Protein backbone atom coordinates (compact mmCIF):
# COMPACT_ATOMS: atom_id res chain seq x y z
CA MET A 1 -0.17 0.10 0.03
CA SER A 2 1.35 3.47 -0.98
CA ALA A 3 1.95 5.58 2.20
CA ASN A 4 0.28 8.94 -0.16
CA GLY A 5 -2.07 6.90 -2.15
CA LEU A 6 -0.05 7.20 -5.30
CA ASP A 7 2.87 5.12 -6.00
CA VAL A 8 4.57 7.67 -8.19
CA PHE A 9 4.74 10.25 -5.32
CA ASP A 10 6.41 7.57 -2.99
CA LYS A 11 8.76 6.34 -5.57
CA SER A 12 9.77 9.92 -6.09
CA LEU A 13 10.17 10.63 -2.49
CA GLN A 14 12.30 7.42 -2.27
CA THR A 15 14.37 8.50 -5.20
CA THR A 16 14.90 12.00 -4.14
CA ASN A 17 15.85 10.96 -0.76
CA ILE A 18 18.76 8.60 -2.13
CA TRP A 19 19.87 11.51 -4.25
CA LEU A 20 20.13 13.72 -1.35
CA ASP A 21 21.61 11.27 0.99
CA GLU A 22 24.36 10.93 -1.68
CA ILE A 23 25.17 14.73 -1.65
CA MET A 24 24.87 14.63 2.06
CA ALA A 25 27.60 12.17 2.07
CA GLU A 26 29.98 14.72 0.72
CA HIS A 27 28.78 17.69 2.21
CA GLY A 28 27.24 16.75 5.52
CA PRO A 29 24.26 15.69 7.04
CA ASP A 30 22.20 18.77 6.35
CA ARG A 31 19.25 17.80 4.00
CA GLN A 32 18.38 21.32 3.28
CA VAL A 33 21.68 21.99 2.26
CA ALA A 34 21.78 19.00 -0.02
CA TRP A 35 18.41 20.15 -1.58
CA HIS A 36 19.83 23.55 -2.12
CA ILE A 37 23.10 22.18 -3.71
CA LEU A 38 20.90 19.88 -5.81
CA GLY A 39 18.51 22.39 -7.05
CA SER A 40 21.43 25.22 -7.86
CA VAL A 41 23.48 22.96 -9.85
CA LEU A 42 20.54 21.28 -11.82
CA ARG A 43 19.29 24.84 -12.57
CA THR A 44 22.42 26.19 -13.62
CA THR A 45 23.33 23.31 -15.76
CA ARG A 46 19.61 23.44 -17.21
CA ASP A 47 20.25 27.18 -18.35
CA LYS A 48 23.42 26.08 -20.35
CA LEU A 49 21.72 23.66 -22.42
CA PRO A 50 19.54 24.22 -25.32
CA PRO A 51 15.92 24.17 -24.15
CA ASP A 52 15.25 20.53 -26.17
CA LEU A 53 18.06 18.98 -24.20
CA SER A 54 17.18 20.73 -20.88
CA ALA A 55 13.79 19.21 -21.28
CA HIS A 56 15.11 15.74 -21.92
CA LEU A 57 17.16 15.87 -18.68
CA GLY A 58 14.16 17.14 -16.81
CA GLY A 59 12.28 14.17 -18.04
CA GLN A 60 14.98 12.05 -16.22
CA LEU A 61 14.43 13.46 -12.88
CA PRO A 62 12.39 12.29 -10.14
CA LEU A 63 9.07 14.18 -9.84
CA LEU A 64 10.12 16.11 -6.94
CA VAL A 65 13.60 17.29 -8.10
CA ARG A 66 11.86 18.20 -11.46
CA GLY A 67 9.82 20.68 -9.72
CA ALA A 68 13.12 22.48 -8.33
CA TYR A 69 14.64 22.16 -11.73
CA TYR A 70 12.08 23.81 -13.44
CA ASP A 71 11.79 26.59 -10.82
CA GLN A 72 12.17 29.96 -12.65
CA TYR A 73 12.62 28.50 -15.89
CA GLN A 74 12.72 30.87 -18.90
CA PRO A 75 13.60 28.74 -22.10
CA ALA A 76 13.78 31.92 -24.08
CA ARG A 77 16.72 32.97 -22.49
CA GLN A 78 18.52 29.45 -22.98
CA PRO A 79 21.43 28.75 -23.32
CA SER A 80 22.85 31.17 -20.88
CA GLN A 81 26.01 33.26 -21.70
CA LEU A 82 27.99 31.73 -19.05
CA ARG A 83 31.06 30.77 -21.07
CA THR A 84 33.75 29.88 -18.38
CA ARG A 85 34.18 27.41 -15.64
CA ASP A 86 34.42 30.32 -13.08
CA GLU A 87 31.36 31.94 -14.60
CA PHE A 88 29.65 28.72 -14.19
CA LEU A 89 30.88 28.30 -10.67
CA GLN A 90 29.90 31.97 -9.57
CA ALA A 91 26.40 31.23 -10.81
CA VAL A 92 26.07 28.19 -8.55
CA LYS A 93 27.68 30.01 -5.56
CA ASP A 94 25.57 33.18 -6.03
CA ASP A 95 22.42 30.70 -6.01
CA LEU A 96 23.78 28.94 -2.83
CA GLN A 97 24.39 32.34 -0.94
CA PHE A 98 21.83 31.70 1.73
CA THR A 99 23.28 28.23 2.92
CA ARG A 100 26.21 27.68 4.71
CA PRO A 101 29.64 28.35 2.96
CA ILE A 102 29.86 25.40 0.25
CA ASP A 103 32.74 24.91 -2.44
CA ALA A 104 30.86 25.35 -5.50
CA GLU A 105 33.10 23.15 -7.41
CA ASP A 106 32.63 20.43 -4.87
CA ALA A 107 28.91 21.16 -5.15
CA VAL A 108 28.80 20.83 -8.84
CA LYS A 109 30.96 17.63 -9.10
CA SER A 110 28.71 16.02 -6.29
CA VAL A 111 25.56 16.60 -8.36
CA TYR A 112 27.17 15.28 -11.60
CA ARG A 113 28.32 12.31 -9.91
CA VAL A 114 24.52 11.60 -8.70
CA LEU A 115 23.50 12.24 -12.20
CA ASP A 116 26.02 9.74 -13.49
CA ARG A 117 24.67 6.85 -11.07
CA HIS A 118 20.98 7.82 -11.63
CA ILE A 119 20.18 8.78 -15.17
CA ASP A 120 20.21 7.09 -18.64
CA ARG A 121 23.83 7.09 -19.49
CA GLY A 122 23.12 8.29 -23.08
CA GLN A 123 21.33 11.38 -21.74
CA ALA A 124 23.88 12.03 -19.28
CA GLU A 125 26.53 11.88 -22.13
CA LYS A 126 24.38 14.38 -24.24
CA VAL A 127 24.06 16.94 -21.55
CA ARG A 128 27.94 16.79 -20.41
CA ALA A 129 28.76 17.01 -24.56
CA ALA A 130 26.47 20.36 -24.83
CA LEU A 131 28.39 22.10 -21.98
CA ASN A 132 31.43 24.19 -22.88
CA GLU A 133 34.54 22.26 -22.64
CA ASP A 134 35.65 24.80 -19.92
CA ILE A 135 32.70 23.70 -17.95
CA ARG A 136 32.62 20.01 -18.94
CA THR A 137 35.62 19.35 -16.95
CA LEU A 138 33.65 19.75 -13.76
CA TRP A 139 31.77 16.50 -15.11
CA ALA A 140 34.74 13.99 -15.31
CA SER A 141 34.56 11.67 -18.26
CA GLY A 142 34.52 8.03 -17.56
CA GLU A 143 32.43 8.26 -14.24
CA THR A 144 29.39 7.56 -16.14
CA VAL A 145 27.96 4.71 -14.69
CA GLY A 146 24.11 5.32 -15.26
CA ASN A 147 21.61 2.91 -16.60
CA ALA A 148 22.42 1.82 -20.22
């Protein structure tokens, strides 16, 4: 029996908690901070992608995470003009300004590792390939172990 009456909500909550647990393993046991890290990195990544690709990535996310991903979404402004790794990291850092201090590079890398483990391998590679080369270095190649 579903705790919420709908299996889709239970599965989304379970999957979201798994993702947050993986982020907390790297950034400490604060679920709120993990949620902010996940949302910030996903939104900054989303904004660097062409709208079609960002929509495909959104379709790979658990329902709860998808809500954070599409928060403040403006597809007409995609892809964003963040060109360098430093600009990308600054955007993540700016989005995390109301949490405890977090290294933006560590945050990005931890979320990309979560994506590697949980989204379709082909989709992860398409997203990674769409990022500027400078930004792509944050998503280490060879770490993709997601579903085939």
